[in-house]
Amino acid sequence: MRSFFASIAVLGSLCGWLACGSAETPLDANTRQAIDSLTTAEIRVLRVELDSQCQRDRLTIVPQMVDSIKQVRLREIDAQLKTIPR
């Protein structure tokens, strides 16, 4: 998570630095390449981090959610069964 915030800070700083020029001034090739390189590197890092978070959540949170939904459904079934005359 710390890496995510660091990435945002780097990209924000880069955008702030680039904003100092005139709006009509086009970016030179070196600046475009630097932006592309930084963005590609950050995307690669964040992709690995997000994949690991998704894997962790799939193992921990999803089973809890499924169990919770199952418990609610079982209570609904019990309530319906109690209304059936015997």
PDB file of N, CA and C in Angstrom:
ATOM      1  N   MET A   1       0.826  -1.178   0.000  1.00  0.00           N
ATOM      2  CA  MET A   1       0.000   0.000   0.000  1.00  0.00           C
ATOM      3  C   MET A   1       0.872   1.243   0.000  1.00  0.00           C
ATOM      4  N   ARG A   2       1.981   1.186   0.722  1.00  0.00           N
ATOM      5  CA  ARG A   2       2.892   2.320   0.759  1.00  0.00           C
ATOM      6  C   ARG A   2       3.438   2.599  -0.637  1.00  0.00           C
ATOM      7  N   SER A   3       3.664   1.533  -1.407  1.00  0.00           N
ATOM      8  CA  SER A   3       4.159   1.686  -2.772  1.00  0.00           C
ATOM      9  C   SER A   3       3.141   2.418  -3.629  1.00  0.00           C
ATOM     10  N   PHE A   4       1.877   2.148  -3.400  1.00  0.00           N
ATOM     11  CA  PHE A   4       0.818   2.802  -4.163  1.00  0.00           C
ATOM     12  C   PHE A   4       0.847   4.312  -3.931  1.00  0.00           C
ATOM     13  N   PHE A   5       0.950   4.722  -2.669  1.00  0.00           N
ATOM     14  CA  PHE A   5       0.980   6.147  -2.346  1.00  0.00           C
ATOM     15  C   PHE A   5       2.253   6.802  -2.865  1.00  0.00           C
ATOM     16  N   ALA A   6       3.352   6.077  -2.824  1.00  0.00           N
ATOM     17  CA  ALA A   6       4.599   6.609  -3.361  1.00  0.00           C
ATOM     18  C   ALA A   6       4.466   6.810  -4.864  1.00  0.00           C
ATOM     19  N   SER A   7       3.810   5.879  -5.540  1.00  0.00           N
ATOM     20  CA  SER A   7       3.598   5.990  -6.981  1.00  0.00           C
ATOM     21  C   SER A   7       2.748   7.206  -7.307  1.00  0.00           C
ATOM     22  N   ILE A   8       1.700   7.406  -6.528  1.00  0.00           N
ATOM     23  CA  ILE A   8       0.836   8.565  -6.739  1.00  0.00           C
ATOM     24  C   ILE A   8       1.627   9.851  -6.526  1.00  0.00           C
ATOM     25  N   ALA A   9       2.484   9.872  -5.506  1.00  0.00           N
ATOM     26  CA  ALA A   9       3.288  11.062  -5.223  1.00  0.00           C
ATOM     27  C   ALA A   9       4.254  11.351  -6.365  1.00  0.00           C
ATOM     28  N   VAL A  10       4.880  10.313  -6.905  1.00  0.00           N
ATOM     29  CA  VAL A  10       5.817  10.500  -8.018  1.00  0.00           C
ATOM     30  C   VAL A  10       5.080  11.020  -9.242  1.00  0.00           C
ATOM     31  N   LEU A  11       3.962  10.404  -9.569  1.00  0.00           N
ATOM     32  CA  LEU A  11       3.208  10.849 -10.739  1.00  0.00           C
ATOM     33  C   LEU A  11       2.650  12.256 -10.538  1.00  0.00           C
ATOM     34  N   GLY A  12       2.201  12.574  -9.326  1.00  0.00           N
ATOM     35  CA  GLY A  12       1.709  13.924  -9.035  1.00  0.00           C
ATOM     36  C   GLY A  12       2.816  14.958  -9.158  1.00  0.00           C
ATOM     37  N   SER A  13       3.996  14.623  -8.653  1.00  0.00           N
ATOM     38  CA  SER A  13       5.135  15.535  -8.762  1.00  0.00           C
ATOM     39  C   SER A  13       5.520  15.754 -10.217  1.00  0.00           C
ATOM     40  N   LEU A  14       5.515  14.689 -10.983  1.00  0.00           N
ATOM     41  CA  LEU A  14       5.848  14.796 -12.398  1.00  0.00           C
ATOM     42  C   LEU A  14       4.844  15.675 -13.129  1.00  0.00           C
ATOM     43  N   CYS A  15       3.586  15.467 -12.845  1.00  0.00           N
ATOM     44  CA  CYS A  15       2.541  16.295 -13.468  1.00  0.00           C
ATOM     45  C   CYS A  15       2.684  17.751 -13.049  1.00  0.00           C
ATOM     46  N   GLY A  16       2.990  18.006 -11.787  1.00  0.00           N
ATOM     47  CA  GLY A  16       3.193  19.366 -11.311  1.00  0.00           C
ATOM     48  C   GLY A  16       4.385  20.015 -11.981  1.00  0.00           C
ATOM     49  N   TRP A  17       5.454  19.260 -12.155  1.00  0.00           N
ATOM     50  CA  TRP A  17       6.645  19.777 -12.810  1.00  0.00           C
ATOM     51  C   TRP A  17       6.354  20.125 -14.263  1.00  0.00           C
ATOM     52  N   LEU A  18       5.600  19.261 -14.933  1.00  0.00           N
ATOM     53  CA  LEU A  18       5.273  19.501 -16.338  1.00  0.00           C
ATOM     54  C   LEU A  18       4.288  20.650 -16.495  1.00  0.00           C
ATOM     55  N   ALA A  19       3.498  20.920 -15.477  1.00  0.00           N
ATOM     56  CA  ALA A  19       2.500  21.981 -15.556  1.00  0.00           C
ATOM     57  C   ALA A  19       3.127  23.368 -15.494  1.00  0.00           C
ATOM     58  N   CYS A  20       4.393  23.451 -15.148  1.00  0.00           N
ATOM     59  CA  CYS A  20       5.047  24.753 -15.016  1.00  0.00           C
ATOM     60  C   CYS A  20       5.266  25.434 -16.358  1.00  0.00           C
ATOM     61  N   GLY A  21       5.280  24.683 -17.435  1.00  0.00           N
ATOM     62  CA  GLY A  21       5.501  25.263 -18.756  1.00  0.00           C
ATOM     63  C   GLY A  21       4.226  25.861 -19.307  1.00  0.00           C
ATOM     64  N   SER A  22       4.350  26.458 -20.468  1.00  0.00           N
ATOM     65  CA  SER A  22       3.195  27.040 -21.145  1.00  0.00           C
ATOM     66  C   SER A  22       2.278  25.932 -21.637  1.00  0.00           C
ATOM     67  N   ALA A  23       0.990  26.216 -21.686  1.00  0.00           N
ATOM     68  CA  ALA A  23       0.024  25.217 -22.136  1.00  0.00           C
ATOM     69  C   ALA A  23       0.212  24.884 -23.612  1.00  0.00           C
ATOM     70  N   GLU A  24       0.744  25.840 -24.373  1.00  0.00           N
ATOM     71  CA  GLU A  24       0.927  25.611 -25.807  1.00  0.00           C
ATOM     72  C   GLU A  24       2.250  24.924 -26.133  1.00  0.00           C
ATOM     73  N   THR A  25       3.151  24.834 -25.153  1.00  0.00           N
ATOM     74  CA  THR A  25       4.450  24.221 -25.394  1.00  0.00           C
ATOM     75  C   THR A  25       4.294  22.710 -25.450  1.00  0.00           C
ATOM     76  N   PRO A  26       4.617  22.102 -26.604  1.00  0.00           N
ATOM     77  CA  PRO A  26       4.507  20.644 -26.688  1.00  0.00           C
ATOM     78  C   PRO A  26       5.633  19.984 -25.891  1.00  0.00           C
ATOM     79  N   LEU A  27       5.369  18.785 -25.450  1.00  0.00           N
ATOM     80  CA  LEU A  27       6.386  18.030 -24.712  1.00  0.00           C
ATOM     81  C   LEU A  27       7.444  17.541 -25.690  1.00  0.00           C
ATOM     82  N   ASP A  28       8.694  17.646 -25.279  1.00  0.00           N
ATOM     83  CA  ASP A  28       9.748  17.139 -26.155  1.00  0.00           C
ATOM     84  C   ASP A  28       9.840  15.620 -26.014  1.00  0.00           C
ATOM     85  N   ALA A  29      10.604  15.015 -26.891  1.00  0.00           N
ATOM     86  CA  ALA A  29      10.701  13.554 -26.936  1.00  0.00           C
ATOM     87  C   ALA A  29      11.254  12.985 -25.639  1.00  0.00           C
ATOM     88  N   ASN A  30      12.237  13.652 -25.052  1.00  0.00           N
ATOM     89  CA  ASN A  30      12.817  13.142 -23.795  1.00  0.00           C
ATOM     90  C   ASN A  30      11.801  13.158 -22.665  1.00  0.00           C
ATOM     91  N   THR A  31      10.995  14.215 -22.598  1.00  0.00           N
ATOM     92  CA  THR A  31       9.973  14.295 -21.550  1.00  0.00           C
ATOM     93  C   THR A  31       8.918  13.219 -21.749  1.00  0.00           C
ATOM     94  N   ARG A  32       8.477  13.045 -22.988  1.00  0.00           N
ATOM     95  CA  ARG A  32       7.479  11.989 -23.261  1.00  0.00           C
ATOM     96  C   ARG A  32       8.036  10.617 -22.924  1.00  0.00           C
ATOM     97  N   GLN A  33       9.298  10.384 -23.250  1.00  0.00           N
ATOM     98  CA  GLN A  33       9.914   9.089 -22.948  1.00  0.00           C
ATOM     99  C   GLN A  33      10.039   8.887 -21.438  1.00  0.00           C
ATOM    100  N   ALA A  34      10.387   9.959 -20.717  1.00  0.00           N
ATOM    101  CA  ALA A  34      10.501   9.853 -19.254  1.00  0.00           C
ATOM    102  C   ALA A  34       9.141   9.531 -18.637  1.00  0.00           C
ATOM    103  N   ILE A  35       8.108  10.207 -19.095  1.00  0.00           N
ATOM    104  CA  ILE A  35       6.758   9.948 -18.589  1.00  0.00           C
ATOM    105  C   ILE A  35       6.361   8.516 -18.881  1.00  0.00           C
ATOM    106  N   ASP A  36       6.618   8.065 -20.100  1.00  0.00           N
ATOM    107  CA  ASP A  36       6.260   6.699 -20.491  1.00  0.00           C
ATOM    108  C   ASP A  36       7.023   5.673 -19.654  1.00  0.00           C
ATOM    109  N   SER A  37       8.302   5.910 -19.437  1.00  0.00           N
ATOM    110  CA  SER A  37       9.109   4.967 -18.658  1.00  0.00           C
ATOM    111  C   SER A  37       8.640   4.897 -17.207  1.00  0.00           C
ATOM    112  N   LEU A  38       8.389   6.053 -16.600  1.00  0.00           N
ATOM    113  CA  LEU A  38       7.913   6.069 -15.211  1.00  0.00           C
ATOM    114  C   LEU A  38       6.555   5.398 -15.084  1.00  0.00           C
ATOM    115  N   THR A  39       5.675   5.702 -16.015  1.00  0.00           N
ATOM    116  CA  THR A  39       4.339   5.124 -15.969  1.00  0.00           C
ATOM    117  C   THR A  39       4.389   3.612 -16.144  1.00  0.00           C
ATOM    118  N   THR A  40       5.184   3.149 -17.094  1.00  0.00           N
ATOM    119  CA  THR A  40       5.302   1.707 -17.331  1.00  0.00           C
ATOM    120  C   THR A  40       5.858   0.995 -16.107  1.00  0.00           C
ATOM    121  N   ALA A  41       6.878   1.581 -15.485  1.00  0.00           N
ATOM    122  CA  ALA A  41       7.470   0.959 -14.294  1.00  0.00           C
ATOM    123  C   ALA A  41       6.467   0.920 -13.144  1.00  0.00           C
ATOM    124  N   GLU A  42       5.731   2.004 -12.931  1.00  0.00           N
ATOM    125  CA  GLU A  42       4.754   2.045 -11.842  1.00  0.00           C
ATOM    126  C   GLU A  42       3.608   1.077 -12.091  1.00  0.00           C
ATOM    127  N   ILE A  43       3.162   0.986 -13.329  1.00  0.00           N
ATOM    128  CA  ILE A  43       2.081   0.042 -13.660  1.00  0.00           C
ATOM    129  C   ILE A  43       2.529  -1.380 -13.373  1.00  0.00           C
ATOM    130  N   ARG A  44       3.775  -1.702 -13.720  1.00  0.00           N
ATOM    131  CA  ARG A  44       4.298  -3.047 -13.474  1.00  0.00           C
ATOM    132  C   ARG A  44       4.313  -3.355 -11.982  1.00  0.00           C
ATOM    133  N   VAL A  45       4.782  -2.404 -11.180  1.00  0.00           N
ATOM    134  CA  VAL A  45       4.840  -2.598  -9.720  1.00  0.00           C
ATOM    135  C   VAL A  45       3.433  -2.721  -9.141  1.00  0.00           C
ATOM    136  N   LEU A  46       2.547  -1.830  -9.552  1.00  0.00           N
ATOM    137  CA  LEU A  46       1.190  -1.854  -9.015  1.00  0.00           C
ATOM    138  C   LEU A  46       0.424  -3.097  -9.441  1.00  0.00           C
ATOM    139  N   ARG A  47       0.678  -3.590 -10.646  1.00  0.00           N
ATOM    140  CA  ARG A  47      -0.003  -4.800 -11.105  1.00  0.00           C
ATOM    141  C   ARG A  47       0.344  -5.984 -10.215  1.00  0.00           C
ATOM    142  N   VAL A  48       1.614  -6.115  -9.866  1.00  0.00           N
ATOM    143  CA  VAL A  48       2.039  -7.211  -8.986  1.00  0.00           C
ATOM    144  C   VAL A  48       1.397  -7.054  -7.611  1.00  0.00           C
ATOM    145  N   GLU A  49       1.408  -5.816  -7.098  1.00  0.00           N
ATOM    146  CA  GLU A  49       0.831  -5.568  -5.776  1.00  0.00           C
ATOM    147  C   GLU A  49      -0.678  -5.835  -5.765  1.00  0.00           C
ATOM    148  N   LEU A  50      -1.377  -5.364  -6.778  1.00  0.00           N
ATOM    149  CA  LEU A  50      -2.828  -5.584  -6.836  1.00  0.00           C
ATOM    150  C   LEU A  50      -3.174  -7.052  -7.036  1.00  0.00           C
ATOM    151  N   ASP A  51      -2.371  -7.752  -7.835  1.00  0.00           N
ATOM    152  CA  ASP A  51      -2.611  -9.186  -8.017  1.00  0.00           C
ATOM    153  C   ASP A  51      -2.466  -9.931  -6.693  1.00  0.00           C
ATOM    154  N   SER A  52      -1.461  -9.567  -5.896  1.00  0.00           N
ATOM    155  CA  SER A  52      -1.281 -10.252  -4.615  1.00  0.00           C
ATOM    156  C   SER A  52      -2.413  -9.897  -3.647  1.00  0.00           C
ATOM    157  N   GLN A  53      -2.882  -8.645  -3.686  1.00  0.00           N
ATOM    158  CA  GLN A  53      -4.019  -8.267  -2.842  1.00  0.00           C
ATOM    159  C   GLN A  53      -5.284  -9.014  -3.249  1.00  0.00           C
ATOM    160  N   CYS A  54      -5.506  -9.140  -4.543  1.00  0.00           N
ATOM    161  CA  CYS A  54      -6.688  -9.875  -5.011  1.00  0.00           C
ATOM    162  C   CYS A  54      -6.614 -11.346  -4.608  1.00  0.00           C
ATOM    163  N   GLN A  55      -5.437 -11.930  -4.725  1.00  0.00           N
ATOM    164  CA  GLN A  55      -5.265 -13.329  -4.330  1.00  0.00           C
ATOM    165  C   GLN A  55      -5.528 -13.497  -2.836  1.00  0.00           C
ATOM    166  N   ARG A  56      -4.995 -12.575  -2.019  1.00  0.00           N
ATOM    167  CA  ARG A  56      -5.214 -12.631  -0.573  1.00  0.00           C
ATOM    168  C   ARG A  56      -6.699 -12.493  -0.246  1.00  0.00           C
ATOM    169  N   ASP A  57      -7.358 -11.532  -0.900  1.00  0.00           N
ATOM    170  CA  ASP A  57      -8.788 -11.323  -0.652  1.00  0.00           C
ATOM    171  C   ASP A  57      -9.607 -12.534  -1.088  1.00  0.00           C
ATOM    172  N   ARG A  58      -9.203 -13.154  -2.180  1.00  0.00           N
ATOM    173  CA  ARG A  58      -9.921 -14.333  -2.654  1.00  0.00           C
ATOM    174  C   ARG A  58      -9.849 -15.463  -1.627  1.00  0.00           C
ATOM    175  N   LEU A  59      -8.742 -15.533  -0.914  1.00  0.00           N
ATOM    176  CA  LEU A  59      -8.570 -16.588   0.083  1.00  0.00           C
ATOM    177  C   LEU A  59      -9.194 -16.256   1.427  1.00  0.00           C
ATOM    178  N   THR A  60      -9.369 -14.970   1.739  1.00  0.00           N
ATOM    179  CA  THR A  60      -9.866 -14.599   3.063  1.00  0.00           C
ATOM    180  C   THR A  60     -11.264 -13.989   3.030  1.00  0.00           C
ATOM    181  N   ILE A  61     -11.465 -12.966   2.249  1.00  0.00           N
ATOM    182  CA  ILE A  61     -12.727 -12.220   2.288  1.00  0.00           C
ATOM    183  C   ILE A  61     -13.849 -12.940   1.554  1.00  0.00           C
ATOM    184  N   VAL A  62     -13.560 -13.511   0.394  1.00  0.00           N
ATOM    185  CA  VAL A  62     -14.617 -14.162  -0.393  1.00  0.00           C
ATOM    186  C   VAL A  62     -15.267 -15.314   0.380  1.00  0.00           C
ATOM    187  N   PRO A  63     -14.495 -16.193   1.030  1.00  0.00           N
ATOM    188  CA  PRO A  63     -15.159 -17.251   1.804  1.00  0.00           C
ATOM    189  C   PRO A  63     -16.052 -16.702   2.926  1.00  0.00           C
ATOM    190  N   GLN A  64     -15.619 -15.620   3.567  1.00  0.00           N
ATOM    191  CA  GLN A  64     -16.437 -15.013   4.616  1.00  0.00           C
ATOM    192  C   GLN A  64     -17.737 -14.472   4.033  1.00  0.00           C
ATOM    193  N   MET A  65     -17.644 -13.839   2.880  1.00  0.00           N
ATOM    194  CA  MET A  65     -18.843 -13.282   2.252  1.00  0.00           C
ATOM    195  C   MET A  65     -19.802 -14.390   1.834  1.00  0.00           C
ATOM    196  N   VAL A  66     -19.258 -15.455   1.260  1.00  0.00           N
ATOM    197  CA  VAL A  66     -20.098 -16.579   0.845  1.00  0.00           C
ATOM    198  C   VAL A  66     -20.755 -17.211   2.055  1.00  0.00           C
ATOM    199  N   ASP A  67     -20.003 -17.382   3.134  1.00  0.00           N
ATOM    200  CA  ASP A  67     -20.557 -17.960   4.353  1.00  0.00           C
ATOM    201  C   ASP A  67     -21.663 -17.079   4.918  1.00  0.00           C
ATOM    202  N   SER A  68     -21.465 -15.780   4.885  1.00  0.00           N
ATOM    203  CA  SER A  68     -22.476 -14.841   5.376  1.00  0.00           C
ATOM    204  C   SER A  68     -23.751 -14.936   4.539  1.00  0.00           C
ATOM    205  N   ILE A  69     -23.597 -14.971   3.232  1.00  0.00           N
ATOM    206  CA  ILE A  69     -24.767 -15.098   2.341  1.00  0.00           C
ATOM    207  C   ILE A  69     -25.473 -16.419   2.596  1.00  0.00           C
ATOM    208  N   LYS A  70     -24.696 -17.472   2.808  1.00  0.00           N
ATOM    209  CA  LYS A  70     -25.278 -18.796   3.072  1.00  0.00           C
ATOM    210  C   LYS A  70     -26.072 -18.782   4.377  1.00  0.00           C
ATOM    211  N   GLN A  71     -25.534 -18.133   5.410  1.00  0.00           N
ATOM    212  CA  GLN A  71     -26.241 -18.069   6.685  1.00  0.00           C
ATOM    213  C   GLN A  71     -27.564 -17.314   6.557  1.00  0.00           C
ATOM    214  N   VAL A  72     -27.560 -16.210   5.824  1.00  0.00           N
ATOM    215  CA  VAL A  72     -28.799 -15.454   5.614  1.00  0.00           C
ATOM    216  C   VAL A  72     -29.811 -16.321   4.877  1.00  0.00           C
ATOM    217  N   ARG A  73     -29.358 -17.004   3.859  1.00  0.00           N
ATOM    218  CA  ARG A  73     -30.275 -17.850   3.075  1.00  0.00           C
ATOM    219  C   ARG A  73     -30.828 -18.993   3.919  1.00  0.00           C
ATOM    220  N   LEU A  74     -29.996 -19.597   4.759  1.00  0.00           N
ATOM    221  CA  LEU A  74     -30.480 -20.677   5.624  1.00  0.00           C
ATOM    222  C   LEU A  74     -31.537 -20.164   6.604  1.00  0.00           C
ATOM    223  N   ARG A  75     -31.349 -18.951   7.137  1.00  0.00           N
ATOM    224  CA  ARG A  75     -32.364 -18.373   8.024  1.00  0.00           C
ATOM    225  C   ARG A  75     -33.668 -18.132   7.260  1.00  0.00           C
ATOM    226  N   GLU A  76     -33.566 -17.682   6.020  1.00  0.00           N
ATOM    227  CA  GLU A  76     -34.767 -17.469   5.211  1.00  0.00           C
ATOM    228  C   GLU A  76     -35.499 -18.785   4.973  1.00  0.00           C
ATOM    229  N   ILE A  77     -34.743 -19.844   4.690  1.00  0.00           N
ATOM    230  CA  ILE A  77     -35.346 -21.154   4.459  1.00  0.00           C
ATOM    231  C   ILE A  77     -36.023 -21.648   5.735  1.00  0.00           C
ATOM    232  N   ASP A  78     -35.358 -21.498   6.877  1.00  0.00           N
ATOM    233  CA  ASP A  78     -35.965 -21.908   8.154  1.00  0.00           C
ATOM    234  C   ASP A  78     -37.261 -21.151   8.418  1.00  0.00           C
ATOM    235  N   ALA A  79     -37.252 -19.852   8.132  1.00  0.00           N
ATOM    236  CA  ALA A  79     -38.467 -19.054   8.345  1.00  0.00           C
ATOM    237  C   ALA A  79     -39.592 -19.531   7.436  1.00  0.00           C
ATOM    238  N   GLN A  80     -39.263 -19.872   6.203  1.00  0.00           N
ATOM    239  CA  GLN A  80     -40.286 -20.362   5.271  1.00  0.00           C
ATOM    240  C   GLN A  80     -40.799 -21.724   5.709  1.00  0.00           C
ATOM    241  N   LEU A  81     -39.902 -22.578   6.192  1.00  0.00           N
ATOM    242  CA  LEU A  81     -40.333 -23.916   6.624  1.00  0.00           C
ATOM    243  C   LEU A  81     -41.268 -23.847   7.840  1.00  0.00           C
ATOM    244  N   LYS A  82     -41.071 -22.847   8.688  1.00  0.00           N
ATOM    245  CA  LYS A  82     -41.938 -22.703   9.860  1.00  0.00           C
ATOM    246  C   LYS A  82     -43.367 -22.290   9.508  1.00  0.00           C
ATOM    247  N   THR A  83     -43.528 -21.716   8.312  1.00  0.00           N
ATOM    248  CA  THR A  83     -44.874 -21.290   7.900  1.00  0.00           C
ATOM    249  C   THR A  83     -45.653 -22.420   7.239  1.00  0.00           C
ATOM    250  N   ILE A  84     -45.020 -23.528   6.929  1.00  0.00           N
ATOM    251  CA  ILE A  84     -45.700 -24.660   6.285  1.00  0.00           C
ATOM    252  C   ILE A  84     -46.468 -25.435   7.358  1.00  0.00           C
ATOM    253  N   PRO A  85     -47.782 -25.640   7.133  1.00  0.00           N
ATOM    254  CA  PRO A  85     -48.537 -26.436   8.109  1.00  0.00           C
ATOM    255  C   PRO A  85     -48.092 -27.905   8.083  1.00  0.00           C
ATOM    256  N   ARG A  86     -48.134 -28.540   9.247  1.00  0.00           N
ATOM    257  CA  ARG A  86     -47.713 -29.947   9.323  1.00  0.00           C
ATOM    258  C   ARG A  86     -48.868 -30.847   9.501  1.00  0.00           C
TER     259      ARG A  86
END
